[in-house]
Structure formats: structure tokens, C-alpha cells
């Protein structure tokens, strides 16, 4: 009987993955390309849990010449020499939430780990940069071969203090000091590879290392991390049938559900669609669809940054920008776009070669729902639990075409929330509606232009287009009159769906919906 497939959830060591027969999506062709390219200093940034650590571990095994681990993989047909090199491997992910002294102690610790692994006797020094220089030179002298340096999550110590004027410069100087020998040790180095989530300016971290090639947006490395449609349908062919059975869906329906929830990433353009590997593998492992990637890390910092940059929920997606404005250093950013893109909350959806403008948007349903669910408490000022329950009920009502019932649910819920002093401007309720209706899993736009004005909100379900006008301390009748006066429905006459007009009024005193009108 065939053994059930083992999925590498949280497995970041290539040798363990191979030896224990976990599923491995073959990325070794990229490893060969990286090792034999024009540049021997490479940098790659990708969102968290996208496979950067496994890629680094795969490079480690390859450069150690462990040919037996690569049997049956693409690189077996490409590599002929399998020359072993000494490898220094530094994992910076464990150095989060550290002050200067803690960070220095951690750097000494990982240097000591590498010294012991390679049998290098440390020299007497208190400076991490000198210790790294000595380690590189002594390793090269002992083995007679150039050294490979792999640095995973290079920016981990800096992420928590990215926009703190006091702590960031201090920790940044520690890391700059640690990395500084990489320039002077060039004759002793065969290959240097760094990964991270964000892109810090070269001057701030690698002040003298001016020969790093950033491969993050190169088309030939678009799928170096993540899982493509082709990889899933070929290397996970049987897994798809098993998952479809567990979900009680057809194979085609299962593929569509996976695409809607976890696909949609592009790190260059044009690019194959890239699936979030963490969410995809968890879905196959558990046999159900869930918010795995978003749920694995509470985006508290992201929510705070959205507030700091005064970004409303409806402004997160649909951004048009130049590459240098989003594939850019994050420590001095004046706009949140670089952080949203590099952290994986936005991705490239289109590109205009004439203007050079990229369209950035939320990748998929998992990220969209996760983001708006995290933002909901800011607008309802109450417990998330009853809010989520109401939204689930509203979603069921909307799917049945019962807008009246959905608005009754929202009216009752809002009337029970405690007073919390939040602003009672019309824009606040517009954003509240945007978040709530986005959580229903339908497509929502606000401030949609027409020839005579702007529709407050346009909501599209599978079978209906809703035009929603919001008023504060007026009346639903006034809202409906504006829809008719501005002839909003004419703008959407060719959309192919029946158009339903919805006028809604909020009562400032009661702090909820007072009345509404719904017309075909």
C-alpha cells in the first residue's frame, strides 16, 4: 500500500526533507543557475514563509558536494563536478527583539557554531567583524578552498525597529559592522547569498559591498521560491485528487479554490502565477482550506504602520507605482507601498511597459480577508467574535440575494457596540462598509467614478451588482435620490449583471444604520 505523502510544514533543512521523504518541489535548477551565474554575490527578498530558508539550506547541501541528496532532481543532470566547498551558514531569524548587547552576543554565538562545525580554532577577539574575517580566512587556509557564505533573514534584527529613530541606527551599525568583512575577503569567497524580507539601502547595511546582485525581480528567478501552477499539477498530481476527495469537490473545483485562496503572487512581470507555499502545503496536509499564512503571524506591526501612514482599508490595494518606489529600501520610506509589497500583502498584478507603471494589488482571498479582519476592530470598536459571527450571517444572506436581511443584521450589531469616541464622519462609515462587505468575499470598490459623480460603493457578487450610496444624518431617501439624480446605474448598464440600488443613512446619535432603501 502506498504511504501517505509527508508535507514539509516547517521543515527548512534540505537534508532532513530528503532523508525523511517529505514532498520536495524541485528548485535545484535555480540552485545551479545561482551557483554558476555571472555574479557570486546574490541577494533575494521574499515574504516570510516563502521558502527562503529551505533554498538557503539547499545551497548549503549543494556547495558541500552532497551529491547523494540530489538524486533524481534537475541539478543531477546539470552538475558534473560536485566540488565541495566549506560553507558558513548564518541564520539571523533567531535574533529578533534584541538590543545591541543581545545582538552582539547572538552574532558571537553563531560564529562559534560555525567554528565548531568546521573545526576552526577561534582567535582571541571581541569584535564580531574581526571574528568573521578570521573565520573566513582560516577556513580557506585549512581546506584549501574558497568559502561559501550563506546569510538567511539578514534583516531579522532590524524589522521590529525599522522606523524607530533611536534603536534602528544602533542595530543597523551592529549589522553593518558584522557584514563588513565580506568586501575585503573577496579573494577567499566562492559564493555569498543573502535572503531577507525587506530591502534595506545598500549604503546603510553593506556600505562597502557594492557588488551584490539583487535577483528578487529578475524574470529568471520569478519562481525560485513559492509553487507554480505547473509544479502543483505535475509534482503534486495525486495530492490534488486526494485533496479534492477530502473537500468533496471535483478536481477542477479544487484547483479553482486553491487559486482563489493562495495563488496570485508575481515578483516580476511577466511572471508565472506563484502560490504561497506555506498555505498551499498546509491545505494539502490538513485537507481543508484555511488562512494558514496570514494566521501564522499576527500583523500587529503592519496594522500600526497603516495607521501611521494614514492608509484607509480601501487604499491598500489598486496601487500604481514605479518599480523604484516599491522595490525600494524600507527604512526611510515615506509611503507604505514598499513594506506592503515586500511583506507579501501586495503583489504585481500588471505592468505598462510604455509608462513603466506597475499595478500592485492584494494577491488573493486569504490575504484580503486576513487584512480586513485585522482592521475590523478599528471600525467597530468591539469584540471580534460577535463581529465575525455577524459577518458570516451577512455573507449567507448576500449569497441568497437578501440585502435587506444583511442590513438588518448589521443594524442590530452596530447598535449593540459600546461608545468608544470614534469619529463619526461619513468617511468612517464608508470604510466600515468597505471592510465589512469585503469580508463577505465579494468584490468591493469605493468612490467609483461616473460621468456625473462618484458612487460611494460598488459591490459585485456572482449574480448582482449593488450600487450603494451612504448618508450621515440625512435619510435613505436622500441617498436614493442622489443615485437617480447622478444616473449612476447608466455607468454599469453593460456589466452583464442586474443592478440593484441601495441607499443607506447612518444616525449619528444612535450610532447605527437608521434606514435604507433597496430598488432594482
Protein backbone atom coordinates (compact mmCIF):
# COMPACT_ATOMS: atom_id res chain seq x y z
CA UNK A 1 0.00 0.00 0.00
CA UNK A 2 1.34 3.44 -0.94
CA UNK A 3 2.33 5.51 2.07
CA UNK A 4 0.54 8.87 2.53
CA UNK A 5 2.54 11.86 1.38
CA UNK A 6 4.51 13.79 4.01
CA UNK A 7 4.31 17.55 3.63
CA UNK A 8 7.26 19.65 4.85
CA UNK A 9 5.35 22.00 7.13
CA UNK A 10 8.03 23.99 8.94
CA UNK A 11 10.86 21.81 7.55
CA UNK A 12 13.65 24.15 6.44
CA UNK A 13 16.60 21.74 6.24
CA UNK A 14 17.07 20.20 2.81
CA UNK A 15 18.81 17.03 4.03
CA UNK A 16 16.04 16.30 6.54
CA UNK A 17 13.41 16.85 3.88
CA UNK A 18 15.11 14.39 1.50
CA UNK A 19 16.15 11.75 4.03
CA UNK A 20 12.71 11.62 5.66
CA UNK A 21 10.94 11.52 2.27
CA UNK A 22 8.98 14.75 2.55
CA UNK A 23 7.47 16.26 -0.58
CA UNK A 24 10.05 18.47 -2.30
CA UNK A 25 9.14 20.83 -5.12
CA UNK A 26 12.27 20.68 -7.23
CA UNK A 27 14.03 24.05 -7.28
CA UNK A 28 17.51 22.71 -7.91
CA UNK A 29 17.71 24.10 -11.45
CA UNK A 30 17.66 27.55 -9.83
CA UNK A 31 20.39 26.47 -7.41
CA UNK A 32 22.64 25.52 -10.32
CA UNK A 33 21.86 28.79 -12.11
CA UNK A 34 22.69 30.82 -9.00
CA UNK A 35 25.96 28.95 -8.39
CA UNK A 36 27.16 29.35 -11.98
CA UNK A 37 25.95 32.84 -12.81
CA UNK A 38 27.99 35.93 -13.59
CA UNK A 39 27.79 37.24 -10.02
CA UNK A 40 28.93 35.35 -6.94
CA UNK A 41 27.21 37.80 -4.55
CA UNK A 42 23.41 37.44 -4.66
CA UNK A 43 20.51 38.90 -2.68
CA UNK A 44 16.89 37.68 -2.67
CA UNK A 45 13.97 39.16 -0.78
CA UNK A 46 10.65 37.33 -0.48
CA UNK A 47 7.81 37.42 2.08
CA UNK A 48 8.05 35.31 5.24
CA UNK A 49 7.41 31.55 4.98
CA UNK A 50 8.00 31.56 1.24
CA UNK A 51 10.85 29.04 1.21
CA UNK A 52 13.90 31.29 1.58
CA UNK A 53 15.38 29.21 4.39
CA UNK A 54 14.87 25.92 2.51
CA UNK A 55 16.51 27.46 -0.56
CA UNK A 56 19.46 28.54 1.59
CA UNK A 57 19.74 25.06 3.07
CA UNK A 58 19.62 23.55 -0.42
CA UNK A 59 22.51 25.78 -1.47
CA UNK A 60 24.36 24.65 1.66
CA UNK A 61 23.99 20.98 0.74
CA UNK A 62 24.92 21.64 -2.89
CA UNK A 63 28.11 23.56 -2.10
CA UNK A 64 29.17 20.86 0.36
CA UNK A 65 29.05 18.50 -2.62
CA UNK A 66 26.42 16.20 -1.13
CA UNK A 67 25.50 14.65 -4.44
CA UNK A 68 23.55 11.79 -2.86
CA UNK A 69 20.86 14.21 -1.64
CA UNK A 70 20.09 15.39 -5.18
CA UNK A 71 19.39 12.05 -6.78
CA UNK A 72 16.54 12.32 -9.28
CA UNK A 73 16.44 16.13 -9.12
CA UNK A 74 17.05 18.54 -12.00
CA UNK A 75 20.54 19.50 -10.85
CA UNK A 76 21.73 15.89 -11.12
CA UNK A 77 21.64 16.29 -14.91
CA UNK A 78 23.32 19.71 -14.83
CA UNK A 79 26.22 19.40 -12.39
CA UNK A 80 29.21 17.26 -13.36
CA UNK A 81 31.90 18.21 -10.82
CA UNK A 82 30.22 18.40 -7.36
CA UNK A 83 33.24 20.19 -5.92
CA UNK A 84 32.83 20.51 -2.12
CA UNK A 85 33.38 23.92 -0.52
CA UNK A 86 33.42 24.93 3.16
CA UNK A 87 30.13 26.66 4.00
CA UNK A 88 29.45 29.32 6.64
CA UNK A 89 25.73 29.41 7.34
CA UNK A 90 24.24 32.20 9.46
CA UNK A 91 20.55 32.13 10.41
CA UNK A 92 19.57 35.60 11.64
CA UNK A 93 15.92 34.73 12.29
CA UNK A 94 16.60 33.98 15.96
CA UNK A 95 17.97 37.46 16.61
CA UNK A 96 14.65 39.28 16.70
CA UNK A 97 13.61 41.58 19.56
CA UNK A 98 17.26 42.10 20.55
CA UNK A 99 19.07 45.19 21.80
CA UNK A 100 22.67 45.93 20.86
CA UNK A 101 24.28 43.73 23.52
CA UNK A 102 21.95 40.80 22.86
CA UNK A 103 22.56 41.08 19.13
CA UNK A 104 26.33 41.09 19.58
CA UNK A 105 26.11 38.02 21.82
CA UNK A 106 23.99 36.25 19.22
CA UNK A 107 26.46 37.05 16.44
CA UNK A 108 29.32 35.64 18.53
CA UNK A 109 27.19 32.55 19.17
CA UNK A 110 26.52 31.79 15.50
CA UNK A 111 30.16 32.43 14.66
CA UNK A 112 31.14 29.92 17.34
CA UNK A 113 28.67 27.37 15.92
CA UNK A 114 30.31 27.64 12.51
CA UNK A 115 33.81 27.47 14.00
CA UNK A 116 32.98 24.24 15.81
CA UNK A 117 31.30 22.69 12.76
CA UNK A 118 34.32 23.41 10.57
CA UNK A 119 36.93 22.66 13.24
CA UNK A 120 38.36 26.17 13.32
CA UNK A 121 40.13 27.34 16.46
CA UNK A 122 38.84 30.86 17.22
CA UNK A 123 41.34 33.63 17.73
CA UNK A 124 41.12 35.96 20.71
CA UNK A 125 38.87 38.86 19.66
CA UNK A 126 35.83 40.74 20.95
CA UNK A 127 34.80 42.21 17.60
CA UNK A 128 32.32 40.21 15.52
CA UNK A 129 33.60 41.61 12.24
CA UNK A 130 37.18 40.61 13.04
CA UNK A 131 35.99 37.18 14.16
CA UNK A 132 34.10 36.71 10.86
CA UNK A 133 37.15 37.81 8.86
CA UNK A 134 39.37 35.39 10.75
CA UNK A 135 36.87 32.57 10.30
CA UNK A 136 36.72 33.09 6.53
CA UNK A 137 40.49 33.30 6.12
CA UNK A 138 41.29 30.43 8.49
CA UNK A 139 38.68 28.18 6.87
CA UNK A 140 40.10 28.90 3.43
CA UNK A 141 43.64 28.20 4.70
CA UNK A 142 42.62 24.94 6.37
CA UNK A 143 40.59 23.50 3.47
CA UNK A 144 42.48 24.99 0.56
CA UNK A 145 39.19 26.08 -0.99
CA UNK A 146 37.27 29.32 -1.17
CA UNK A 147 34.46 29.76 1.33
CA UNK A 148 30.70 29.96 0.73
CA UNK A 149 28.78 32.37 2.99
CA UNK A 150 25.01 31.97 3.36
CA UNK A 151 23.10 34.54 5.43
CA UNK A 152 19.41 33.78 5.92
CA UNK A 153 16.96 36.51 7.01
CA UNK A 154 19.71 39.11 7.15
CA UNK A 155 17.22 41.82 8.17
CA UNK A 156 15.54 39.95 11.06
CA UNK A 157 17.22 42.03 13.82
CA UNK A 158 16.03 45.25 12.17
CA UNK A 159 12.40 44.55 11.28
CA UNK A 160 10.94 45.41 14.67
CA UNK A 161 12.76 48.75 14.85
CA UNK A 162 12.56 49.69 11.17
CA UNK A 163 11.03 53.09 11.84
CA UNK A 164 12.38 53.85 15.28
CA UNK A 165 14.78 56.78 15.21
CA UNK A 166 16.53 55.64 18.38
CA UNK A 167 17.06 51.88 18.00
CA UNK A 168 17.32 51.39 14.23
CA UNK A 169 20.65 53.24 13.73
CA UNK A 170 22.19 51.36 16.66
CA UNK A 171 21.26 47.86 15.44
CA UNK A 172 21.93 48.81 11.83
CA UNK A 173 25.51 49.75 12.77
CA UNK A 174 25.98 46.40 14.52
CA UNK A 175 24.87 44.53 11.41
CA UNK A 176 26.89 46.75 9.07
CA UNK A 177 29.95 46.06 11.20
CA UNK A 178 29.29 42.31 11.11
CA UNK A 179 28.88 42.16 7.32
CA UNK A 180 31.81 44.49 6.57
CA UNK A 181 34.49 41.75 6.07
CA UNK A 182 32.62 40.32 3.07
CA UNK A 183 34.15 43.04 0.87
CA UNK A 184 37.74 42.63 1.99
CA UNK A 185 37.55 38.84 1.98
CA UNK A 186 36.50 38.63 -1.68
CA UNK A 187 39.58 36.58 -2.74
CA UNK A 188 38.65 33.95 -0.15
CA UNK A 189 34.99 33.70 -1.12
CA UNK A 190 33.43 31.38 -3.71
CA UNK A 191 29.80 32.49 -3.26
CA UNK A 192 27.77 34.79 -0.98
CA UNK A 193 23.99 34.62 -0.72
CA UNK A 194 21.72 36.73 1.47
CA UNK A 195 17.96 36.48 1.96
CA UNK A 196 15.53 38.79 3.69
CA UNK A 197 12.00 40.10 3.72
CA UNK A 198 12.77 43.77 3.21
CA UNK A 199 15.24 45.66 1.12
CA UNK A 200 17.46 47.93 3.18
CA UNK A 201 19.53 50.51 1.38
CA UNK A 202 22.93 49.24 0.36
CA UNK A 203 24.67 52.17 1.98
CA UNK A 204 23.05 51.52 5.34
CA UNK A 205 23.92 47.82 5.68
CA UNK A 206 26.50 46.91 3.06
CA UNK A 207 28.35 50.20 2.92
CA UNK A 208 31.32 48.79 1.02
CA UNK A 209 29.82 45.69 -0.58
CA UNK A 210 28.80 47.27 -3.86
CA UNK A 211 28.82 44.13 -5.98
CA UNK A 212 25.67 42.40 -4.67
CA UNK A 213 23.27 41.43 -7.44
CA UNK A 214 19.64 41.71 -6.38
CA UNK A 215 17.86 38.83 -8.15
CA UNK A 216 14.49 39.50 -6.49
CA UNK A 217 12.81 40.94 -9.60
CA UNK A 218 14.73 39.11 -12.32
CA UNK A 219 12.38 37.08 -14.56
CA UNK A 220 14.67 34.04 -14.48
CA UNK A 221 14.20 33.81 -10.70
CA UNK A 222 10.47 34.63 -10.58
CA UNK A 223 9.61 31.14 -9.28
CA UNK A 224 12.72 30.40 -7.22
CA UNK A 225 10.50 30.48 -4.11
CA UNK A 226 6.84 29.51 -3.99
CA UNK A 227 4.98 26.93 -6.07
CA UNK A 228 3.79 27.42 -9.64
CA UNK A 229 0.61 26.03 -11.19
CA UNK A 230 2.64 23.62 -13.31
CA UNK A 231 4.66 22.41 -10.30
CA UNK A 232 1.48 21.77 -8.36
CA UNK A 233 -0.31 19.95 -11.18
CA UNK A 234 2.70 17.76 -12.04
CA UNK A 235 4.68 17.18 -8.85
CA UNK A 236 1.51 17.13 -6.71
CA UNK A 237 -0.82 15.46 -9.21
CA UNK A 238 -2.01 12.63 -6.93
CA UNK A 239 -2.20 15.00 -3.99
CA UNK A 240 -4.75 17.10 -5.87
CA UNK A 241 -7.05 14.13 -6.29
CA UNK A 242 -6.75 13.26 -2.59
CA UNK A 243 -7.49 16.86 -1.58
CA UNK A 244 -10.47 17.06 -3.93
CA UNK A 245 -11.87 13.93 -2.33
CA UNK A 246 -11.40 15.32 1.18
CA UNK A 247 -13.03 18.61 0.19
CA UNK A 248 -15.83 16.75 -1.62
CA UNK A 249 -15.18 18.80 -4.75
CA UNK A 250 -14.19 17.94 -8.32
CA UNK A 251 -10.55 18.31 -9.28
CA UNK A 252 -11.40 21.43 -11.32
CA UNK A 253 -13.33 22.97 -8.41
CA UNK A 254 -10.44 22.20 -6.07
CA UNK A 255 -7.94 23.87 -8.41
CA UNK A 256 -10.13 26.96 -8.57
CA UNK A 257 -10.47 27.12 -4.78
CA UNK A 258 -6.71 26.82 -4.34
CA UNK A 259 -6.12 29.52 -6.95
CA UNK A 260 -8.63 31.92 -5.38
CA UNK A 261 -7.18 31.47 -1.90
CA UNK A 262 -3.43 31.04 -2.31
CA UNK A 263 -2.34 31.99 -5.85
CA UNK A 264 -1.72 35.36 -7.43
CA UNK A 265 1.85 36.33 -6.47
CA UNK A 266 4.14 37.88 -9.08
CA UNK A 267 7.59 39.17 -8.16
CA UNK A 268 8.37 40.45 -11.66
CA UNK A 269 6.41 40.95 -14.88
CA UNK A 270 5.66 38.94 -16.85
CA UNK A 271 5.67 36.07 -14.39
CA UNK A 272 4.07 32.73 -13.79
CA UNK A 273 1.42 32.73 -11.06
CA UNK A 274 3.08 31.84 -7.77
CA UNK A 275 1.22 30.08 -4.96
CA UNK A 276 2.01 30.79 -1.32
CA UNK A 277 3.86 27.55 -0.43
CA UNK A 278 3.11 27.64 3.30
CA UNK A 279 -0.64 27.93 2.83
CA UNK A 280 -0.75 25.51 -0.10
CA UNK A 281 1.15 22.73 1.71
CA UNK A 282 -0.92 23.20 4.87
CA UNK A 283 -4.12 22.91 2.84
CA UNK A 284 -2.94 19.61 1.35
CA UNK A 285 -1.73 18.38 4.74
CA UNK A 286 -4.95 19.18 6.62
CA UNK A 287 -7.35 18.53 3.75
CA UNK A 288 -9.12 21.85 4.15
CA UNK A 289 -8.80 25.50 3.16
CA UNK A 290 -7.85 27.92 5.87
CA UNK A 291 -5.97 31.15 6.49
CA UNK A 292 -2.60 29.49 7.15
CA UNK A 293 -0.04 32.11 6.12
CA UNK A 294 -1.91 35.09 7.48
CA UNK A 295 -2.78 33.25 10.67
CA UNK A 296 0.85 32.22 11.26
CA UNK A 297 1.93 35.75 12.08
CA UNK A 298 -0.23 38.47 13.61
CA UNK A 299 0.42 41.59 11.52
CA UNK A 300 0.37 43.96 14.52
CA UNK A 301 3.27 45.92 13.13
CA UNK A 302 1.60 46.20 9.73
CA UNK A 303 -1.64 47.49 11.25
CA UNK A 304 0.30 50.11 13.20
CA UNK A 305 2.12 51.19 10.04
CA UNK A 306 -1.18 51.53 8.16
CA UNK A 307 -2.32 53.90 10.91
CA UNK A 308 0.98 55.79 10.92
CA UNK A 309 0.82 56.40 7.17
CA UNK A 310 -2.92 57.14 7.38
CA UNK A 311 -3.84 54.41 4.89
CA UNK A 312 -7.53 53.51 4.88
CA UNK A 313 -8.58 49.92 4.06
CA UNK A 314 -9.84 50.84 0.60
CA UNK A 315 -6.46 52.42 -0.23
CA UNK A 316 -4.37 49.29 0.40
CA UNK A 317 -4.86 47.66 -3.00
CA UNK A 318 -5.01 49.01 -6.51
CA UNK A 319 -1.76 51.00 -6.38
CA UNK A 320 0.00 52.23 -9.50
CA UNK A 321 3.68 52.88 -8.92
CA UNK A 322 7.16 52.73 -10.40
CA UNK A 323 9.48 49.85 -9.51
CA UNK A 324 11.88 52.14 -7.68
CA UNK A 325 9.03 53.19 -5.41
CA UNK A 326 8.09 49.71 -4.18
CA UNK A 327 11.21 47.59 -4.77
CA UNK A 328 12.94 50.12 -2.57
CA UNK A 329 14.66 50.44 0.82
CA UNK A 330 12.14 50.46 3.65
CA UNK A 331 13.96 52.18 6.50
CA UNK A 332 13.43 55.69 5.13
CA UNK A 333 10.19 55.17 3.22
CA UNK A 334 7.67 58.00 3.10
CA UNK A 335 4.94 55.75 1.71
CA UNK A 336 3.82 52.32 2.93
CA UNK A 337 3.95 50.69 -0.52
CA UNK A 338 7.46 49.14 -0.18
CA UNK A 339 6.51 47.50 3.12
CA UNK A 340 3.20 46.17 1.78
CA UNK A 341 4.90 44.73 -1.31
CA UNK A 342 7.99 43.25 0.29
CA UNK A 343 5.97 41.75 3.16
CA UNK A 344 3.64 39.96 0.72
CA UNK A 345 0.43 41.92 1.29
CA UNK A 346 0.62 43.42 -2.20
CA UNK A 347 1.99 41.87 -5.36
CA UNK A 348 2.43 42.81 -9.01
CA UNK A 349 -0.78 42.34 -11.00
CA UNK A 350 0.04 44.19 -14.21
CA UNK A 351 2.67 46.33 -15.88
CA UNK A 352 2.52 49.06 -18.52
CA UNK A 353 5.77 48.96 -20.47
CA UNK A 354 5.12 52.37 -22.05
CA UNK A 355 4.72 54.29 -18.77
CA UNK A 356 6.80 51.95 -16.62
CA UNK A 357 3.96 51.75 -14.10
CA UNK A 358 3.26 48.58 -12.14
CA UNK A 359 -0.19 47.80 -10.76
CA UNK A 360 0.04 46.39 -7.25
CA UNK A 361 -2.89 44.68 -5.58
CA UNK A 362 -3.74 42.19 -2.84
CA UNK A 363 -2.64 38.73 -4.07
CA UNK A 364 -5.57 36.52 -3.13
CA UNK A 365 -8.56 35.87 -0.93
CA UNK A 366 -6.53 34.68 2.08
CA UNK A 367 -4.61 37.96 2.30
CA UNK A 368 -7.63 40.14 1.56
CA UNK A 369 -9.83 38.50 4.21
CA UNK A 370 -6.99 38.37 6.74
CA UNK A 371 -6.14 42.03 6.32
CA UNK A 372 -9.68 43.30 6.58
CA UNK A 373 -10.47 41.03 9.52
CA UNK A 374 -7.49 42.51 11.33
CA UNK A 375 -8.70 46.02 10.55
CA UNK A 376 -12.34 45.42 11.55
CA UNK A 377 -11.89 46.11 15.31
CA UNK A 378 -10.65 49.62 14.49
CA UNK A 379 -14.04 50.38 12.93
CA UNK A 380 -16.45 48.52 15.18
CA UNK A 381 -14.63 49.15 18.49
CA UNK A 382 -15.82 45.87 19.92
CA UNK A 383 -15.02 42.19 20.28
CA UNK A 384 -14.06 40.43 17.07
CA UNK A 385 -16.05 37.32 17.95
CA UNK A 386 -19.61 38.71 17.56
CA UNK A 387 -18.35 40.78 14.63
CA UNK A 388 -17.14 37.68 12.81
CA UNK A 389 -20.42 35.91 13.57
CA UNK A 390 -22.49 38.74 12.15
CA UNK A 391 -20.32 38.89 9.04
CA UNK A 392 -20.72 35.16 8.48
CA UNK A 393 -24.51 35.54 8.70
CA UNK A 394 -24.44 38.56 6.41
CA UNK A 395 -22.39 36.60 3.91
CA UNK A 396 -25.02 33.87 3.84
CA UNK A 397 -27.73 36.48 3.32
CA UNK A 398 -25.86 38.18 0.47
CA UNK A 399 -25.27 34.86 -1.26
CA UNK A 400 -29.05 34.28 -1.21
CA UNK A 401 -29.61 37.79 -2.61
CA UNK A 402 -31.18 39.05 0.63
CA UNK A 403 -29.62 42.51 1.03
CA UNK A 404 -32.47 43.58 3.32
CA UNK A 405 -31.66 40.79 5.75
CA UNK A 406 -27.94 41.59 5.66
CA UNK A 407 -28.56 45.26 6.51
CA UNK A 408 -30.87 44.29 9.37
CA UNK A 409 -28.10 42.13 10.82
CA UNK A 410 -25.58 44.97 10.52
CA UNK A 411 -28.01 47.49 12.01
CA UNK A 412 -28.64 45.32 15.08
CA UNK A 413 -24.96 44.59 15.54
CA UNK A 414 -23.81 48.23 15.32
CA UNK A 415 -26.48 49.33 17.79
CA UNK A 416 -25.04 46.99 20.44
CA UNK A 417 -21.46 48.32 20.26
CA UNK A 418 -20.22 50.44 23.19
CA UNK A 419 -19.45 54.10 22.63
CA UNK A 420 -15.71 54.47 22.09
CA UNK A 421 -15.37 58.02 20.86
CA UNK A 422 -14.51 57.11 17.30
CA UNK A 423 -15.01 59.81 14.64
CA UNK A 424 -18.47 59.90 13.18
CA UNK A 425 -17.69 61.24 9.76
CA UNK A 426 -19.28 59.79 6.64
CA UNK A 427 -15.85 58.59 5.50
CA UNK A 428 -15.54 56.46 8.65
CA UNK A 429 -18.75 54.61 7.83
CA UNK A 430 -17.73 54.31 4.21
CA UNK A 431 -14.55 52.50 5.31
CA UNK A 432 -16.55 50.40 7.78
CA UNK A 433 -18.84 49.28 4.98
CA UNK A 434 -15.88 48.60 2.72
CA UNK A 435 -14.26 46.35 5.35
CA UNK A 436 -17.47 44.55 6.28
CA UNK A 437 -18.57 43.85 2.71
CA UNK A 438 -15.05 42.89 1.64
CA UNK A 439 -15.13 40.27 4.41
CA UNK A 440 -18.22 38.80 2.78
CA UNK A 441 -15.98 37.56 -0.02
CA UNK A 442 -17.42 39.83 -2.69
CA UNK A 443 -15.65 42.41 -4.84
CA UNK A 444 -15.94 45.94 -3.44
CA UNK A 445 -14.83 49.33 -4.80
CA UNK A 446 -15.44 52.74 -3.30
CA UNK A 447 -15.59 56.19 -4.88
CA UNK A 448 -16.19 54.73 -8.34
CA UNK A 449 -16.24 57.48 -10.96
CA UNK A 450 -19.18 58.04 -13.29
CA UNK A 451 -19.82 60.84 -15.78
CA UNK A 452 -21.82 62.84 -13.21
CA UNK A 453 -20.17 61.94 -9.92
CA UNK A 454 -18.82 59.12 -7.77
CA UNK A 455 -20.64 56.11 -6.37
CA UNK A 456 -19.82 55.65 -2.68
CA UNK A 457 -19.54 51.88 -3.05
CA UNK A 458 -19.97 49.31 -5.82
CA UNK A 459 -20.31 45.70 -4.71
CA UNK A 460 -20.30 42.79 -7.16
CA UNK A 461 -21.50 39.31 -6.24
CA UNK A 462 -21.70 36.32 -8.55
CA UNK A 463 -25.12 37.38 -9.86
CA UNK A 464 -25.79 41.01 -8.80
CA UNK A 465 -24.15 44.45 -8.92
CA UNK A 466 -25.06 46.70 -5.97
CA UNK A 467 -24.68 50.49 -6.14
CA UNK A 468 -24.55 51.83 -2.59
CA UNK A 469 -24.86 55.48 -1.57
CA UNK A 470 -24.20 56.40 2.08
CA UNK A 471 -25.54 59.40 4.01
CA UNK A 472 -24.94 60.60 7.57
CA UNK A 473 -27.85 62.16 9.50
CA UNK A 474 -29.95 62.57 6.38
CA UNK A 475 -32.17 59.81 5.01
CA UNK A 476 -32.15 56.73 2.83
CA UNK A 477 -34.47 58.65 0.51
CA UNK A 478 -31.80 61.33 0.05
CA UNK A 479 -29.23 58.66 -0.75
CA UNK A 480 -31.54 57.05 -3.31
CA UNK A 481 -32.32 60.42 -4.88
CA UNK A 482 -28.62 61.03 -5.42
CA UNK A 483 -28.24 57.66 -7.17
CA UNK A 484 -31.09 58.58 -9.52
CA UNK A 485 -30.08 62.23 -9.98
CA UNK A 486 -26.49 61.31 -10.89
CA UNK A 487 -27.72 58.45 -13.12
CA UNK A 488 -25.24 56.03 -11.55
CA UNK A 489 -26.87 52.87 -13.00
CA UNK A 490 -26.17 54.03 -16.57
CA UNK A 491 -22.44 53.72 -15.95
CA UNK A 492 -22.91 49.96 -15.33
CA UNK A 493 -25.57 49.17 -17.94
CA UNK A 494 -23.23 46.84 -19.85
CA UNK A 495 -21.81 44.97 -16.84
CA UNK A 496 -23.88 41.86 -17.61
CA UNK A 497 -25.46 41.72 -14.15
CA UNK A 498 -28.74 43.07 -12.77
CA UNK A 499 -28.11 46.37 -10.98
CA UNK A 500 -29.61 46.96 -7.52
CA UNK A 501 -29.61 50.46 -5.95
CA UNK A 502 -29.10 50.72 -2.20
CA UNK A 503 -29.47 53.97 -0.23
CA UNK A 504 -28.33 53.89 3.41
CA UNK A 505 -28.43 56.51 6.16
CA UNK A 506 -26.45 56.44 9.40
CA UNK A 507 -27.82 58.03 12.54
CA UNK A 508 -25.12 59.92 14.45
CA UNK A 509 -26.94 59.70 17.77
CA UNK A 510 -27.93 56.05 17.58
CA UNK A 511 -24.55 55.21 16.02
CA UNK A 512 -26.01 52.71 13.58
CA UNK A 513 -27.99 52.47 10.35
CA UNK A 514 -31.30 54.29 10.74
CA UNK A 515 -32.98 53.39 7.45
CA UNK A 516 -32.31 52.12 3.96
CA UNK A 517 -33.96 51.74 0.58
CA UNK A 518 -33.36 48.98 -1.96
CA UNK A 519 -34.57 49.23 -5.56
CA UNK A 520 -33.99 47.23 -8.75
